[in-house]
C-alpha atoms as a PDB file:
ATOM      1  CA  THR A   1       6.476 -19.347  -5.710  1.00  0.00           C
ATOM      2  CA  GLU A   2       4.161 -21.636  -4.485  1.00  0.00           C
ATOM      3  CA  TYR A   3       1.512 -20.867  -6.829  1.00  0.00           C
ATOM      4  CA  ALA A   4       3.641 -20.977  -9.714  1.00  0.00           C
ATOM      5  CA  GLN A   5       4.794 -24.347  -8.946  1.00  0.00           C
ATOM      6  CA  SER A   6       1.357 -25.427  -8.650  1.00  0.00           C
ATOM      7  CA  GLN A   7       0.511 -24.813 -12.041  1.00  0.00           C
ATOM      8  CA  PRO A   8       2.038 -26.918 -14.427  1.00  0.00           C
ATOM      9  CA  GLY A   9       1.890 -30.231 -11.930  1.00  0.00           C
ATOM     10  CA  ASP A  10       4.622 -32.574 -11.418  1.00  0.00           C
ATOM     11  CA  ILE A  11       8.101 -31.074 -12.920  1.00  0.00           C
ATOM     12  CA  VAL A  12      10.118 -33.503 -14.387  1.00  0.00           C
ATOM     13  CA  PHE A  13      12.953 -31.717 -16.287  1.00  0.00           C
ATOM     14  CA  VAL A  14      14.474 -28.334 -15.620  1.00  0.00           C
ATOM     15  CA  GLU A  15      17.053 -26.501 -17.984  1.00  0.00           C
ATOM     16  CA  VAL A  16      18.826 -23.621 -16.127  1.00  0.00           C
ATOM     17  CA  PRO A  17      21.069 -20.784 -17.816  1.00  0.00           C
ATOM     18  CA  ASP A  18      24.724 -21.209 -17.496  1.00  0.00           C
ATOM     19  CA  GLU A  19      27.022 -19.009 -15.881  1.00  0.00           C
ATOM     20  CA  GLY A  20      27.973 -15.777 -17.698  1.00  0.00           C
ATOM     21  CA  LYS A  21      24.884 -15.758 -19.547  1.00  0.00           C
ATOM     22  CA  GLN A  22      23.236 -12.593 -20.037  1.00  0.00           C
ATOM     23  CA  VAL A  23      19.745 -12.078 -19.695  1.00  0.00           C
ATOM     24  CA  SER A  24      17.173  -9.025 -20.221  1.00  0.00           C
ATOM     25  CA  LYS A  25      13.985  -8.481 -18.031  1.00  0.00           C
ATOM     26  CA  GLY A  26      11.133 -10.527 -19.492  1.00  0.00           C
ATOM     27  CA  ASP A  27      13.783 -12.809 -21.814  1.00  0.00           C
ATOM     28  CA  ASP A  28      13.311 -16.683 -21.822  1.00  0.00           C
ATOM     29  CA  ALA A  29      15.913 -17.640 -19.012  1.00  0.00           C
ATOM     30  CA  ALA A  30      15.098 -21.256 -17.908  1.00  0.00           C
ATOM     31  CA  VAL A  31      12.790 -24.058 -18.894  1.00  0.00           C
ATOM     32  CA  VAL A  32      10.668 -26.187 -16.939  1.00  0.00           C
ATOM     33  CA  GLU A  33       8.508 -29.478 -18.319  1.00  0.00           C
ATOM     34  CA  SER A  34       6.116 -31.103 -16.245  1.00  0.00           C
ATOM     35  CA  VAL A  35       3.668 -33.835 -16.883  1.00  0.00           C
ATOM     36  CA  LYS A  36       1.620 -31.373 -18.484  1.00  0.00           C
ATOM     37  CA  ALA A  37       3.649 -29.088 -20.876  1.00  0.00           C
ATOM     38  CA  ALA A  38       6.913 -27.378 -21.053  1.00  0.00           C
ATOM     39  CA  SER A  39       7.042 -23.614 -20.087  1.00  0.00           C
ATOM     40  CA  ASP A  40       9.865 -20.789 -20.122  1.00  0.00           C
ATOM     41  CA  VAL A  41      10.699 -19.266 -16.993  1.00  0.00           C
ATOM     42  CA  TYR A  42      11.311 -15.417 -17.759  1.00  0.00           C
ATOM     43  CA  ALA A  43      14.044 -13.342 -16.323  1.00  0.00           C
ATOM     44  CA  PRO A  44      12.523 -10.890 -13.694  1.00  0.00           C
ATOM     45  CA  VAL A  45      15.296  -8.240 -14.009  1.00  0.00           C
ATOM     46  CA  SER A  46      18.571  -7.925 -16.567  1.00  0.00           C
ATOM     47  CA  GLY A  47      21.763  -9.049 -15.618  1.00  0.00           C
ATOM     48  CA  THR A  48      24.495 -11.808 -15.851  1.00  0.00           C
ATOM     49  CA  VAL A  49      23.879 -15.244 -14.532  1.00  0.00           C
ATOM     50  CA  ILE A  50      26.215 -16.071 -11.829  1.00  0.00           C
ATOM     51  CA  GLU A  51      24.915 -19.656 -10.856  1.00  0.00           C
ATOM     52  CA  GLY A  52      22.595 -22.008 -12.153  1.00  0.00           C
ATOM     53  CA  ASN A  53      20.723 -24.314 -10.142  1.00  0.00           C
ATOM     54  CA  THR A  54      22.570 -27.660 -11.054  1.00  0.00           C
ATOM     55  CA  GLU A  55      20.617 -29.753  -8.422  1.00  0.00           C
ATOM     56  CA  LEU A  56      17.590 -29.436 -10.575  1.00  0.00           C
ATOM     57  CA  ALA A  57      19.109 -31.553 -13.386  1.00  0.00           C
ATOM     58  CA  ASP A  58      19.071 -34.584 -11.016  1.00  0.00           C
ATOM     59  CA  ASN A  59      16.251 -33.646  -8.933  1.00  0.00           C
ATOM     60  CA  PRO A  60      13.530 -31.308 -10.628  1.00  0.00           C
ATOM     61  CA  ALA A  61      11.161 -32.333  -8.451  1.00  0.00           C
ATOM     62  CA  LEU A  62      12.779 -29.594  -6.008  1.00  0.00           C
ATOM     63  CA  VAL A  63      10.808 -27.139  -7.713  1.00  0.00           C
ATOM     64  CA  ASN A  64       7.638 -28.517  -6.652  1.00  0.00           C
ATOM     65  CA  GLU A  65       8.711 -29.446  -3.168  1.00  0.00           C
ATOM     66  CA  ASP A  66      10.863 -26.180  -1.983  1.00  0.00           C
ATOM     67  CA  PRO A  67       9.667 -23.400  -4.577  1.00  0.00           C
ATOM     68  CA  GLU A  68      10.952 -20.567  -2.636  1.00  0.00           C
ATOM     69  CA  GLY A  69      13.912 -22.539  -1.027  1.00  0.00           C
ATOM     70  CA  GLU A  70      16.031 -25.191  -2.850  1.00  0.00           C
ATOM     71  CA  GLY A  71      13.834 -25.283  -6.107  1.00  0.00           C
ATOM     72  CA  TRP A  72      15.539 -21.749  -7.115  1.00  0.00           C
ATOM     73  CA  PHE A  73      16.362 -21.674 -10.587  1.00  0.00           C
ATOM     74  CA  PHE A  74      19.439 -19.229 -11.047  1.00  0.00           C
ATOM     75  CA  LYS A  75      21.322 -16.361  -9.374  1.00  0.00           C
ATOM     76  CA  LEU A  76      22.461 -13.262 -11.317  1.00  0.00           C
ATOM     77  CA  THR A  77      24.066  -9.781 -11.042  1.00  0.00           C
ATOM     78  CA  LEU A  78      21.865  -7.041 -11.794  1.00  0.00           C
ATOM     79  CA  SER A  79      22.738  -4.765 -14.665  1.00  0.00           C
ATOM     80  CA  ASP A  80      20.068  -2.018 -13.834  1.00  0.00           C
ATOM     81  CA  ALA A  81      19.227  -2.127 -10.351  1.00  0.00           C
ATOM     82  CA  THR A  82      16.006   0.329 -11.229  1.00  0.00           C
ATOM     83  CA  GLU A  83      14.357  -2.620 -12.592  1.00  0.00           C
ATOM     84  CA  LEU A  84      13.764  -3.785  -8.887  1.00  0.00           C
ATOM     85  CA  GLU A  85      11.221  -0.944  -8.528  1.00  0.00           C
ATOM     86  CA  SER A  86       9.130  -3.062 -10.833  1.00  0.00           C
ATOM     87  CA  LEU A  87       8.719  -6.045  -8.815  1.00  0.00           C
ATOM     88  CA  MET A  88       5.945  -6.813  -6.411  1.00  0.00           C
ATOM     89  CA  ASN A  89       6.664  -7.384  -2.987  1.00  0.00           C
ATOM     90  CA  ASP A  90       4.968 -10.583  -1.201  1.00  0.00           C
ATOM     91  CA  SER A  91       1.655  -8.976  -0.243  1.00  0.00           C
ATOM     92  CA  ALA A  92       1.364  -7.379  -3.547  1.00  0.00           C
ATOM     93  CA  TYR A  93       1.807 -10.662  -5.161  1.00  0.00           C
ATOM     94  CA  GLN A  94      -0.345 -12.622  -2.976  1.00  0.00           C
ATOM     95  CA  GLU A  95      -3.053 -10.070  -3.848  1.00  0.00           C
ATOM     96  CA  TYR A  96      -2.262 -10.753  -7.614  1.00  0.00           C
ATOM     97  CA  VAL A  97      -2.268 -14.451  -7.434  1.00  0.00           C
ATOM     98  CA  SER A  98      -5.689 -14.619  -5.474  1.00  0.00           C
ATOM     99  CA  LYS A  99      -7.460 -12.966  -8.419  1.00  0.00           C
ATOM    100  CA  LEU A 100      -6.195 -15.291 -10.844  1.00  0.00           C
END
């Protein structure tokens, strides 16, 4: 999200998961490195990775430039659709980050 990309500063490296990798909700799924620090990106739900954004290897700045568009990390097939119920919608997320 816009808020999340603004926290670490300029992103200089991104490692995305390989196709076929199984991830569980809350597990480390990707890594971002900025000029400030390295951070894990956690899986929001459980599933199987069907595509990692390979564009980020050559252009990690996409995370900063277009976090909700071309700067995506990975796509996955859900293994438990009920986990979607625990995700925030946009208004709940905006309220949450406004308090940080």
